[in-house]
Amino acid sequence: MKILWVIIYAITAYFSFTGQMMPAMYWMSGGMLAEAVVDLICYFLPGYKKCQKK
């Protein structure tokens, strides 16, 4: 999962540095929402060891 978030934030950085702020904001907000939803789902799944932070 961490690799997915890194890819999403790398796309955001690419759009930011090329001056395309609207797509950068879409990727950033979408990535943050997806990360929050996945963390919330993992929080409510008992015994799902992959989601637990070490």
C-alpha atoms as a PDB file:
ATOM      1  CA  MET A   1       0.000   0.000   0.000  1.00  0.00           C
ATOM      2  CA  LYS A   2       2.816   2.410   0.772  1.00  0.00           C
ATOM      3  CA  ILE A   3       4.071   2.122  -2.803  1.00  0.00           C
ATOM      4  CA  LEU A   4       0.648   3.170  -4.104  1.00  0.00           C
ATOM      5  CA  TRP A   5       0.657   6.319  -1.962  1.00  0.00           C
ATOM      6  CA  VAL A   6       4.191   7.174  -3.094  1.00  0.00           C
ATOM      7  CA  ILE A   7       3.111   6.832  -6.745  1.00  0.00           C
ATOM      8  CA  ILE A   8       0.070   9.050  -6.205  1.00  0.00           C
ATOM      9  CA  TYR A   9       2.134  11.740  -4.469  1.00  0.00           C
ATOM     10  CA  ALA A  10       4.819  11.502  -7.173  1.00  0.00           C
ATOM     11  CA  ILE A  11       2.149  12.197  -9.814  1.00  0.00           C
ATOM     12  CA  THR A  12       1.018  15.161  -7.712  1.00  0.00           C
ATOM     13  CA  ALA A  13       4.588  16.474  -7.527  1.00  0.00           C
ATOM     14  CA  TYR A  14       5.012  16.057 -11.294  1.00  0.00           C
ATOM     15  CA  PHE A  15       1.892  18.102 -12.026  1.00  0.00           C
ATOM     16  CA  SER A  16       2.905  20.719  -9.446  1.00  0.00           C
ATOM     17  CA  PHE A  17       6.392  21.214 -10.886  1.00  0.00           C
ATOM     18  CA  THR A  18       5.129  21.380 -14.477  1.00  0.00           C
ATOM     19  CA  GLY A  19       2.750  24.189 -13.581  1.00  0.00           C
ATOM     20  CA  GLN A  20      -0.485  22.238 -13.898  1.00  0.00           C
ATOM     21  CA  MET A  21      -2.014  23.032 -10.540  1.00  0.00           C
ATOM     22  CA  MET A  22      -5.581  21.845 -11.159  1.00  0.00           C
ATOM     23  CA  PRO A  23      -4.629  18.212 -11.937  1.00  0.00           C
ATOM     24  CA  ALA A  24      -2.148  18.359  -9.026  1.00  0.00           C
ATOM     25  CA  MET A  25      -4.943  19.366  -6.645  1.00  0.00           C
ATOM     26  CA  TYR A  26      -7.202  16.604  -7.986  1.00  0.00           C
ATOM     27  CA  TRP A  27      -4.497  13.957  -7.495  1.00  0.00           C
ATOM     28  CA  MET A  28      -3.634  15.278  -4.028  1.00  0.00           C
ATOM     29  CA  SER A  29      -7.215  15.363  -2.778  1.00  0.00           C
ATOM     30  CA  GLY A  30      -8.024  11.991  -4.365  1.00  0.00           C
ATOM     31  CA  GLY A  31      -4.903  10.418  -2.899  1.00  0.00           C
ATOM     32  CA  MET A  32      -5.581  11.785   0.564  1.00  0.00           C
ATOM     33  CA  LEU A  33      -9.193  10.624   0.450  1.00  0.00           C
ATOM     34  CA  ALA A  34      -8.191   7.145  -0.752  1.00  0.00           C
ATOM     35  CA  GLU A  35      -5.536   6.859   1.959  1.00  0.00           C
ATOM     36  CA  ALA A  36      -8.006   7.907   4.649  1.00  0.00           C
ATOM     37  CA  VAL A  37     -10.664   5.456   3.431  1.00  0.00           C
ATOM     38  CA  VAL A  38      -8.190   2.561   3.302  1.00  0.00           C
ATOM     39  CA  ASP A  39      -6.896   3.398   6.797  1.00  0.00           C
ATOM     40  CA  LEU A  40     -10.459   3.561   8.106  1.00  0.00           C
ATOM     41  CA  ILE A  41     -11.348   0.196   6.565  1.00  0.00           C
ATOM     42  CA  CYS A  42      -8.182  -1.350   7.997  1.00  0.00           C
ATOM     43  CA  TYR A  43      -9.011   0.089  11.421  1.00  0.00           C
ATOM     44  CA  PHE A  44     -12.352  -1.696  11.486  1.00  0.00           C
ATOM     45  CA  LEU A  45     -11.070  -5.038  10.199  1.00  0.00           C
ATOM     46  CA  PRO A  46     -10.029  -7.055  13.258  1.00  0.00           C
ATOM     47  CA  GLY A  47      -6.926  -9.156  12.830  1.00  0.00           C
ATOM     48  CA  TYR A  48      -5.876  -7.679   9.503  1.00  0.00           C
ATOM     49  CA  LYS A  49      -2.158  -7.550  10.240  1.00  0.00           C
ATOM     50  CA  LYS A  50      -1.109  -5.974   6.935  1.00  0.00           C
ATOM     51  CA  CYS A  51      -2.766  -2.666   7.845  1.00  0.00           C
ATOM     52  CA  GLN A  52      -1.361  -2.370  11.336  1.00  0.00           C
ATOM     53  CA  LYS A  53       1.474   0.106  11.626  1.00  0.00           C
ATOM     54  CA  LYS A  54       4.680  -1.047  13.275  1.00  0.00           C
END
